[in-house]
């Protein structure tokens, strides 16, 4: 399928380069274009890894919720609500699902009890978050 995402990103980068080299720019405008190019490079390096990352991260969060659900009332019904909406595997759907699961995780963190079981749940969540930071392609 043409143009590919990579080709479109390269095309956008070339357009920015043309503007940078052909038009006198203020210092502020030059900095904005430099930042735009930096973002394009970042997206170009990471976009293809997003689908497998979100699939894996969503599964990891769902598994984590299963481990901490005994400590959080009604957590499983919330997980079921978020995960039953759609089973599509496109990047937009996976990203939205990931955002919903992360929002749920934020709520879980805020309501964990100050008990030994709540402490164990915090430890599990902390380990998950560290793994997520290490593997996030963005």
Protein backbone atom coordinates (compact mmCIF):
# COMPACT_ATOMS: atom_id res chain seq x y z
CA UNK A 1 0.00 0.00 0.00
CA UNK A 2 1.48 3.32 -1.04
CA UNK A 3 2.40 5.68 0.33
CA UNK A 4 3.49 3.82 3.43
CA UNK A 5 3.59 5.44 6.85
CA UNK A 6 7.39 5.51 6.67
CA UNK A 7 7.26 7.19 3.26
CA UNK A 8 4.80 9.79 4.54
CA UNK A 9 6.99 10.53 7.55
CA UNK A 10 10.05 10.92 5.31
CA UNK A 11 8.01 13.20 3.02
CA UNK A 12 6.96 15.39 5.95
CA UNK A 13 10.59 15.58 7.06
CA UNK A 14 11.67 16.65 3.55
CA UNK A 15 9.02 19.39 3.52
CA UNK A 16 10.23 20.73 6.84
CA UNK A 17 13.81 20.63 5.59
CA UNK A 18 12.82 22.65 2.49
CA UNK A 19 11.21 25.29 4.67
CA UNK A 20 14.26 25.39 6.94
CA UNK A 21 16.67 25.87 4.05
CA UNK A 22 14.66 28.10 1.71
CA UNK A 23 12.94 30.64 3.93
CA UNK A 24 14.52 33.03 6.42
CA UNK A 25 13.22 31.96 9.82
CA UNK A 26 13.04 33.61 13.18
CA UNK A 27 14.93 31.85 15.93
CA UNK A 28 11.61 30.74 17.42
CA UNK A 29 10.33 29.34 14.11
CA UNK A 30 13.62 27.49 13.52
CA UNK A 31 13.36 25.94 16.97
CA UNK A 32 9.76 24.87 16.31
CA UNK A 33 10.77 23.19 13.04
CA UNK A 34 13.69 21.45 14.77
CA UNK A 35 11.28 20.12 17.39
CA UNK A 36 8.85 18.99 14.68
CA UNK A 37 11.63 17.08 12.93
CA UNK A 38 12.64 15.50 16.25
CA UNK A 39 9.05 14.33 16.74
CA UNK A 40 8.93 12.87 13.22
CA UNK A 41 12.14 10.92 13.86
CA UNK A 42 10.73 9.63 17.15
CA UNK A 43 7.47 8.53 15.52
CA UNK A 44 9.32 6.93 12.59
CA UNK A 45 11.43 4.87 14.99
CA UNK A 46 8.56 3.71 17.17
CA UNK A 47 5.24 3.52 15.27
CA UNK A 48 5.75 -0.03 13.94
CA UNK A 49 6.40 -1.33 17.45
CA UNK A 50 3.21 0.11 18.92
CA UNK A 51 0.78 -2.70 18.02
CA UNK A 52 2.83 -5.49 19.63
CA UNK A 53 3.66 -3.23 22.59
CA UNK A 54 0.02 -2.34 23.26
CA UNK A 55 -1.11 -5.95 22.80
CA UNK A 56 1.49 -7.09 25.31
CA UNK A 57 0.94 -4.21 27.73
CA UNK A 58 -2.83 -4.64 27.69
CA UNK A 59 -2.44 -8.36 28.47
CA UNK A 60 0.02 -7.52 31.26
CA UNK A 61 -2.36 -5.01 32.84
CA UNK A 62 -5.29 -7.41 32.62
CA UNK A 63 -3.15 -10.07 34.31
CA UNK A 64 -2.09 -7.55 36.97
CA UNK A 65 -5.72 -6.68 37.63
CA UNK A 66 -6.42 -10.38 38.12
CA UNK A 67 -3.69 -10.51 40.78
CA UNK A 68 -4.86 -7.43 42.69
CA UNK A 69 -8.62 -7.94 42.27
CA UNK A 70 -9.03 -9.67 45.65
CA UNK A 71 -8.00 -6.38 47.28
CA UNK A 72 -10.17 -4.08 45.13
CA UNK A 73 -13.95 -4.53 45.20
CA UNK A 74 -15.64 -4.76 41.78
CA UNK A 75 -12.33 -4.51 39.90
CA UNK A 76 -13.01 -7.53 37.71
CA UNK A 77 -16.32 -6.10 36.51
CA UNK A 78 -14.52 -2.85 35.55
CA UNK A 79 -11.84 -4.84 33.67
CA UNK A 80 -14.55 -6.83 31.89
CA UNK A 81 -16.32 -3.60 30.91
CA UNK A 82 -13.16 -2.12 29.39
CA UNK A 83 -12.02 -5.29 27.62
CA UNK A 84 -15.35 -6.52 26.29
CA UNK A 85 -16.09 -3.43 24.21
CA UNK A 86 -14.09 -4.53 21.17
CA UNK A 87 -11.52 -7.12 20.21
CA UNK A 88 -9.97 -5.24 17.27
CA UNK A 89 -6.19 -5.20 17.05
CA UNK A 90 -5.57 -2.00 15.09
CA UNK A 91 -3.29 0.59 16.65
CA UNK A 92 -6.07 3.10 17.32
CA UNK A 93 -8.26 0.60 19.17
CA UNK A 94 -5.29 -0.84 21.08
CA UNK A 95 -4.16 2.65 22.09
CA UNK A 96 -7.63 3.57 23.32
CA UNK A 97 -7.91 0.30 25.26
CA UNK A 98 -4.47 0.93 26.77
CA UNK A 99 -5.52 4.42 27.88
CA UNK A 100 -8.67 3.01 29.47
CA UNK A 101 -6.71 0.31 31.29
CA UNK A 102 -4.12 2.83 32.52
CA UNK A 103 -6.93 5.06 33.79
CA UNK A 104 -8.35 2.05 35.63
CA UNK A 105 -4.91 1.31 37.06
CA UNK A 106 -4.67 4.92 38.31
CA UNK A 107 -8.01 4.52 40.07
CA UNK A 108 -6.91 1.20 41.56
CA UNK A 109 -3.73 2.76 42.94
CA UNK A 110 -5.72 5.52 44.62
CA UNK A 111 -8.11 3.12 46.37
CA UNK A 112 -5.71 0.41 47.50
CA UNK A 113 -6.15 -0.18 51.21
CA UNK A 114 -3.36 0.46 53.72
CA UNK A 115 -3.15 -3.23 54.58
CA UNK A 116 -0.53 -5.90 53.96
CA UNK A 117 -2.56 -7.07 50.94
CA UNK A 118 -2.71 -3.48 49.67
CA UNK A 119 1.07 -3.23 50.10
CA UNK A 120 1.58 -6.42 48.10
CA UNK A 121 -0.66 -5.03 45.37
CA UNK A 122 1.42 -1.81 45.32
CA UNK A 123 4.59 -3.88 44.93
CA UNK A 124 3.08 -5.79 41.98
CA UNK A 125 1.92 -2.56 40.37
CA UNK A 126 5.34 -0.94 40.87
CA UNK A 127 7.08 -3.89 39.21
CA UNK A 128 4.64 -3.74 36.30
CA UNK A 129 5.21 0.01 35.85
CA UNK A 130 9.00 -0.42 35.80
CA UNK A 131 8.70 -3.16 33.13
CA UNK A 132 6.39 -0.92 31.12
CA UNK A 133 8.84 1.97 31.17
CA UNK A 134 11.65 -0.33 30.02
CA UNK A 135 9.67 -1.72 27.08
CA UNK A 136 7.66 1.30 25.86
CA UNK A 137 8.84 2.00 22.27
CA UNK A 138 7.62 5.60 22.36
